[in-house]
Amino acid sequence: MSSSVSRKRVRKDPATRRAEIVTAAAAIALAEGLEAITLRRIGEELDVRPGLISHYFPSADDLVAEAFGSAAAGELDALLPRERSGDTPLRHLAGFLSRTAGDDYDAISLLWINARHLSRYRPVLRDRVAEQEAAWRGRLEDLVREGVTAGEFRTEDPRLVAMKILVVLDGLGAHATAARPPALLRMPATTAEQELALPPGALTS
């Protein structure tokens, strides 16, 4: 006598399924670029019909914007987490600059370039880029303000300092596919040291 067990297909709740779709799209965006995101491609990655993807994202532009937002927000939390685990503002800023100086940062740098280019033609993505720019700028500005309050940094304009650091990082990101000497990779740290009245090497030692 043989027995068989029929397997029921597990239906995921909408929130879980949507998060799964966005996570898959964000991974593709970081690895291959936003142009690689299509409803069919995500369906293949998740082994579901493209129609299921379009149920959550009727427009591919909406999925592209969501993927970029998820990737950018995730990288921000990884590079500059809100929780400092006891680190002083100085050490926290040094850690951020150290993490952005490595090759691991190149993927998100190239994604930002990709997103800014495509956002010229895609209003939904343009809004999401602006949203993430504000989030990155705000997180870094808050850290600079904390450092000023703690007496570790000196500046009259934390917002401008945050913007200058990010501009330098963006500039380096534009050359992510080229060889960059160590002096160039240290530019974000040296810029921050100059702007915050810190001694040379304070953010790299």
Protein backbone atom coordinates (compact mmCIF):
# COMPACT_ATOMS: atom_id res chain seq x y z
CA MET A 1 0.00 0.00 0.00
CA SER A 2 1.43 3.32 -0.98
CA SER A 3 0.56 6.70 0.40
CA SER A 4 1.07 10.10 -1.00
CA VAL A 5 0.99 13.49 0.57
CA SER A 6 -0.37 16.31 -1.51
CA ARG A 7 1.59 19.47 -1.11
CA LYS A 8 -0.39 22.63 -0.81
CA ARG A 9 1.11 25.73 -2.25
CA VAL A 10 1.72 28.18 0.57
CA ARG A 11 0.29 31.59 -0.13
CA LYS A 12 2.31 34.38 1.36
CA ASP A 13 0.59 37.34 2.91
CA PRO A 14 0.69 40.53 0.80
CA ALA A 15 3.25 42.33 2.99
CA THR A 16 5.65 39.39 2.90
CA ARG A 17 5.29 38.88 -0.83
CA ARG A 18 5.77 42.58 -1.57
CA ALA A 19 8.90 42.72 0.60
CA GLU A 20 10.24 39.64 -1.20
CA ILE A 21 9.74 41.29 -4.57
CA VAL A 22 11.45 44.51 -3.47
CA THR A 23 14.37 42.64 -1.93
CA ALA A 24 14.95 40.68 -5.13
CA ALA A 25 14.73 43.83 -7.24
CA ALA A 26 17.13 45.71 -4.96
CA ALA A 27 19.69 42.90 -5.22
CA ILE A 28 19.49 42.97 -9.00
CA ALA A 29 19.80 46.77 -8.99
CA LEU A 30 23.02 46.63 -6.97
CA ALA A 31 24.52 43.82 -9.04
CA GLU A 32 23.40 44.73 -12.56
CA GLY A 33 21.79 48.16 -12.56
CA LEU A 34 18.23 49.45 -12.51
CA GLU A 35 17.73 48.74 -16.22
CA ALA A 36 17.91 45.02 -15.45
CA ILE A 37 14.73 45.21 -13.38
CA THR A 38 11.70 43.98 -15.29
CA LEU A 39 8.54 42.25 -14.12
CA ARG A 40 9.58 39.13 -16.03
CA ARG A 41 13.09 39.12 -14.51
CA ILE A 42 11.80 39.41 -10.96
CA GLY A 43 9.25 36.69 -11.67
CA GLU A 44 12.05 34.40 -12.81
CA GLU A 45 14.13 35.18 -9.74
CA LEU A 46 11.22 34.31 -7.43
CA ASP A 47 9.87 31.49 -9.60
CA VAL A 48 6.45 33.11 -9.97
CA ARG A 49 4.48 34.42 -12.92
CA PRO A 50 5.14 38.02 -14.01
CA GLY A 51 1.44 38.63 -13.46
CA LEU A 52 1.97 38.22 -9.73
CA ILE A 53 4.67 40.89 -9.77
CA SER A 54 2.41 43.26 -11.71
CA HIS A 55 -0.31 42.70 -9.11
CA TYR A 56 1.93 44.48 -6.58
CA PHE A 57 3.68 46.77 -9.04
CA PRO A 58 1.46 47.53 -12.08
CA SER A 59 4.20 49.78 -13.43
CA ALA A 60 7.81 48.70 -13.79
CA ASP A 61 8.81 52.29 -12.96
CA ASP A 62 7.22 51.88 -9.52
CA LEU A 63 9.23 48.73 -8.89
CA VAL A 64 12.46 50.37 -10.07
CA ALA A 65 11.91 53.32 -7.72
CA GLU A 66 11.08 51.00 -4.84
CA ALA A 67 14.14 48.86 -5.51
CA PHE A 68 16.43 51.88 -5.54
CA GLY A 69 14.87 53.25 -2.36
CA SER A 70 15.27 49.92 -0.59
CA ALA A 71 18.89 49.51 -1.69
CA ALA A 72 19.87 53.08 -0.82
CA ALA A 73 18.16 52.98 2.58
CA GLY A 74 19.72 49.61 3.37
CA GLU A 75 23.19 50.85 2.51
CA LEU A 76 22.69 53.98 4.61
CA ASP A 77 21.75 51.87 7.63
CA ALA A 78 24.79 49.65 7.04
CA LEU A 79 27.26 52.48 6.50
CA LEU A 80 25.93 55.01 9.00
CA PRO A 81 23.60 53.26 11.46
CA ARG A 82 21.51 55.34 13.82
CA GLU A 83 22.67 53.27 16.78
CA ARG A 84 26.28 54.00 17.64
CA SER A 85 26.91 51.17 20.14
CA GLY A 86 28.70 53.56 22.48
CA ASP A 87 30.87 55.17 19.81
CA THR A 88 31.54 58.88 20.08
CA PRO A 89 30.50 61.06 17.11
CA LEU A 90 34.16 61.19 16.06
CA ARG A 91 34.55 57.42 16.02
CA HIS A 92 31.19 56.96 14.32
CA LEU A 93 32.12 59.39 11.55
CA ALA A 94 35.52 57.72 11.17
CA GLY A 95 33.82 54.36 10.81
CA PHE A 96 31.47 55.70 8.15
CA LEU A 97 34.32 57.18 6.14
CA SER A 98 36.34 53.99 6.46
CA ARG A 99 33.47 51.87 5.16
CA THR A 100 32.88 54.18 2.21
CA ALA A 101 36.55 54.06 1.23
CA GLY A 102 36.46 50.36 0.40
CA ASP A 103 35.54 48.53 -2.78
CA ASP A 104 32.28 47.38 -1.17
CA TYR A 105 30.98 50.95 -1.49
CA ASP A 106 31.43 50.99 -5.26
CA ALA A 107 28.22 49.07 -5.94
CA ILE A 108 26.01 51.63 -4.21
CA SER A 109 28.02 54.48 -5.78
CA LEU A 110 27.34 53.13 -9.25
CA LEU A 111 23.68 52.59 -8.35
CA TRP A 112 23.35 56.26 -7.35
CA ILE A 113 24.85 57.33 -10.68
CA ASN A 114 22.49 54.96 -12.47
CA ALA A 115 19.45 56.25 -10.56
CA ARG A 116 20.26 59.92 -11.08
CA HIS A 117 20.64 59.35 -14.80
CA LEU A 118 17.38 57.46 -15.19
CA SER A 119 15.50 59.86 -12.91
CA ARG A 120 15.68 62.51 -15.61
CA TYR A 121 13.04 60.55 -17.48
CA ARG A 122 11.17 58.81 -14.67
CA PRO A 123 9.31 61.10 -12.24
CA VAL A 124 8.63 58.35 -9.69
CA LEU A 125 12.32 57.49 -9.51
CA ARG A 126 13.24 61.18 -9.38
CA ASP A 127 11.10 61.61 -6.27
CA ARG A 128 12.68 58.57 -4.66
CA VAL A 129 16.19 59.81 -5.42
CA ALA A 130 15.37 63.16 -3.80
CA GLU A 131 13.93 61.34 -0.80
CA GLN A 132 17.05 59.25 -0.32
CA GLU A 133 19.36 62.24 -0.84
CA ALA A 134 17.54 63.99 1.98
CA ALA A 135 17.80 60.89 4.18
CA TRP A 136 21.57 60.50 3.65
CA ARG A 137 22.18 64.22 4.10
CA GLY A 138 20.01 64.34 7.21
CA ARG A 139 21.65 61.32 8.86
CA LEU A 140 25.14 62.75 8.33
CA GLU A 141 24.10 66.25 9.36
CA ASP A 142 22.64 64.89 12.61
CA LEU A 143 25.93 63.16 13.38
CA VAL A 144 27.90 66.35 12.74
CA ARG A 145 25.55 68.30 15.02
CA GLU A 146 26.01 65.72 17.76
CA GLY A 147 29.77 66.08 17.40
CA VAL A 148 29.53 69.86 17.68
CA THR A 149 27.36 69.56 20.80
CA ALA A 150 29.85 67.10 22.30
CA GLY A 151 32.73 69.47 21.57
CA GLU A 152 34.44 67.07 19.16
CA PHE A 153 33.71 69.04 15.97
CA ARG A 154 33.74 72.74 15.19
CA THR A 155 31.58 74.19 12.45
CA GLU A 156 28.86 76.79 12.16
CA ASP A 157 27.04 74.92 9.39
CA PRO A 158 26.67 71.15 9.96
CA ARG A 159 24.34 70.86 6.97
CA LEU A 160 26.92 72.34 4.60
CA VAL A 161 29.64 70.08 5.98
CA ALA A 162 27.45 67.02 5.44
CA MET A 163 26.77 68.11 1.87
CA LYS A 164 30.46 68.66 1.16
CA ILE A 165 31.38 65.19 2.41
CA LEU A 166 28.66 63.59 0.29
CA VAL A 167 29.71 65.58 -2.78
CA VAL A 168 33.26 64.26 -2.42
CA LEU A 169 31.93 60.71 -2.01
CA ASP A 170 29.78 61.17 -5.12
CA GLY A 171 32.81 62.41 -7.04
CA LEU A 172 34.82 59.36 -6.08
CA GLY A 173 31.88 57.16 -6.97
CA ALA A 174 31.90 58.55 -10.48
CA HIS A 175 35.36 56.98 -10.87
CA ALA A 176 34.45 53.68 -9.22
CA THR A 177 35.50 51.69 -12.27
CA ALA A 178 38.93 53.34 -12.50
CA ALA A 179 42.06 52.93 -10.42
CA ARG A 180 42.13 55.43 -7.57
CA PRO A 181 45.30 56.15 -5.59
CA PRO A 182 45.07 56.07 -1.78
CA ALA A 183 45.30 59.86 -1.58
CA LEU A 184 42.05 60.14 -3.52
CA LEU A 185 40.31 57.54 -1.39
CA ARG A 186 41.24 59.57 1.69
CA MET A 187 39.66 62.74 0.29
CA PRO A 188 36.32 62.38 2.13
CA ALA A 189 38.17 62.01 5.43
CA THR A 190 40.58 64.87 4.77
CA THR A 191 37.68 67.06 3.68
CA ALA A 192 35.80 66.26 6.87
CA GLU A 193 38.87 66.93 8.99
CA GLN A 194 39.34 70.35 7.40
CA GLU A 195 35.67 71.29 7.65
CA LEU A 196 35.35 70.16 11.27
CA ALA A 197 38.62 71.69 12.50
CA LEU A 198 40.16 68.32 13.26
CA PRO A 199 43.87 67.51 13.12
CA PRO A 200 45.10 65.59 10.08
CA GLY A 201 44.58 61.88 10.52
CA ALA A 202 41.89 62.25 13.21
CA LEU A 203 39.41 60.36 11.05
CA THR A 204 41.78 57.85 9.51
CA SER A 205 43.99 56.66 12.38
